[in-house]
Protein backbone atom coordinates (compact mmCIF):
# COMPACT_ATOMS: atom_id res chain seq x y z
CA MET A 1 -43.39 136.05 -68.26
CA ALA A 2 -46.43 137.64 -66.73
CA TYR A 3 -49.14 140.26 -67.27
CA MET A 4 -51.79 142.11 -65.33
CA ILE A 5 -54.62 144.03 -66.93
CA VAL A 6 -55.67 147.02 -64.69
CA GLN A 7 -58.60 149.33 -65.26
CA ARG A 8 -59.34 152.47 -63.34
CA LEU A 9 -62.90 153.38 -62.54
CA ALA A 10 -64.91 155.56 -60.21
CA VAL A 11 -68.13 154.64 -58.50
CA ALA A 12 -70.00 157.35 -56.46
CA GLY A 13 -66.66 159.24 -56.04
CA THR A 14 -64.68 156.17 -54.91
CA SER A 15 -61.60 155.05 -56.88
CA VAL A 16 -62.07 151.50 -58.12
CA ILE A 17 -59.17 149.39 -59.44
CA TYR A 18 -60.41 146.42 -61.55
CA LEU A 19 -57.95 143.59 -62.28
CA SER A 20 -59.56 141.93 -65.23
CA GLY A 21 -56.73 139.62 -66.17
CA THR A 22 -53.55 138.20 -64.56
CA ALA A 23 -51.30 135.44 -65.57
CA VAL A 24 -47.75 134.29 -64.69
CA ARG A 25 -45.93 131.72 -66.77
CA ASP A 26 -45.61 128.43 -64.96
CA ALA A 27 -41.78 128.62 -64.83
CA TYR A 28 -42.07 131.97 -62.88
CA ARG A 29 -44.91 131.11 -60.51
CA GLY A 30 -44.07 131.49 -56.86
CA SER A 31 -41.34 134.00 -57.47
CA GLY A 32 -43.35 137.12 -56.36
CA PHE A 33 -44.45 138.32 -59.91
CA PHE A 34 -48.02 138.98 -58.90
CA LYS A 35 -47.02 141.06 -55.83
CA ARG A 36 -44.52 143.04 -57.80
CA MET A 37 -46.95 143.72 -60.60
CA PHE A 38 -49.67 144.63 -58.16
CA ASP A 39 -47.36 146.89 -56.10
CA THR A 40 -46.07 148.64 -59.26
CA ALA A 41 -49.66 149.29 -60.48
CA MET A 42 -50.85 150.65 -57.15
CA THR A 43 -47.80 152.95 -56.73
CA ALA A 44 -48.33 154.29 -60.32
CA GLU A 45 -52.01 154.94 -59.55
CA PHE A 46 -51.77 156.37 -56.06
CA GLY A 47 -48.04 157.18 -55.29
CA ASP A 48 -48.45 155.88 -51.74
CA PRO A 49 -51.06 153.02 -51.91
CA ALA A 50 -50.83 152.44 -48.06
CA ALA A 51 -52.45 155.90 -47.60
CA ALA A 52 -55.01 155.47 -50.42
CA GLU A 53 -58.61 154.52 -50.00
CA PHE A 54 -59.99 152.48 -52.91
CA CYS A 55 -62.01 149.53 -53.85
CA LEU A 56 -60.23 146.64 -55.53
CA CYS A 57 -62.12 144.32 -57.68
CA TRP A 58 -60.78 141.35 -59.57
CA ARG A 59 -62.17 138.74 -61.93
CA THR A 60 -60.74 135.33 -61.32
CA ARG A 61 -61.59 131.71 -61.15
CA ASN A 62 -58.13 130.86 -59.81
CA PRO A 63 -58.20 130.49 -56.05
CA VAL A 64 -54.46 131.34 -55.70
CA ILE A 65 -55.09 134.71 -57.35
CA TYR A 66 -58.09 135.18 -55.15
CA VAL A 67 -55.92 134.55 -52.04
CA LEU A 68 -53.09 136.83 -53.31
CA GLY A 69 -55.65 139.60 -54.02
CA ARG A 70 -57.40 139.17 -50.71
CA ALA A 71 -54.01 139.75 -48.98
CA GLN A 72 -54.11 143.28 -50.25
CA CYS A 73 -57.53 144.14 -48.71
CA ARG A 74 -59.02 145.16 -45.49
CA SER A 75 -62.20 143.21 -46.25
CA VAL A 76 -63.43 140.89 -49.09
CA VAL A 77 -66.87 140.16 -50.41
CA PRO A 78 -67.74 137.28 -50.89
CA VAL A 79 -65.62 135.78 -48.01
CA ILE A 80 -63.95 132.57 -49.18
CA ARG A 81 -61.79 130.76 -46.69
CA ALA A 82 -58.11 130.70 -47.21
CA GLU A 83 -57.33 127.01 -47.36
CA THR A 84 -56.13 125.73 -50.63
CA HIS A 85 -54.79 122.30 -51.49
CA GLY A 86 -52.85 120.62 -54.23
CA ALA A 87 -51.38 121.81 -57.53
CA GLY A 88 -54.77 122.87 -58.75
CA ALA A 89 -55.25 124.92 -55.52
CA ARG A 90 -59.02 124.54 -54.92
CA ILE A 91 -60.95 126.43 -52.27
CA ASN A 92 -62.63 124.61 -49.43
CA ARG A 93 -66.11 125.97 -49.17
CA PRO A 94 -68.13 125.99 -45.84
């Protein structure tokens, strides 16, 4: 139904979580699989992710995954506006 590839790294003593692949089968999109997978991975890594300090990196060309990942972060680089439109969910750039 869904998968998430998670790699744990460290850069200058900071924990880095790298999401190098995520997919949810069409029939299950919109039912919270990404959030459940992400929450499970972060709890397994940190126990209490709300108290953890780490850098989250992800590789995606999918603006929906970008928006979902951005929701987990205090700040994001590069900044891409949140507006998405249509089934293909493209990002409006300034």
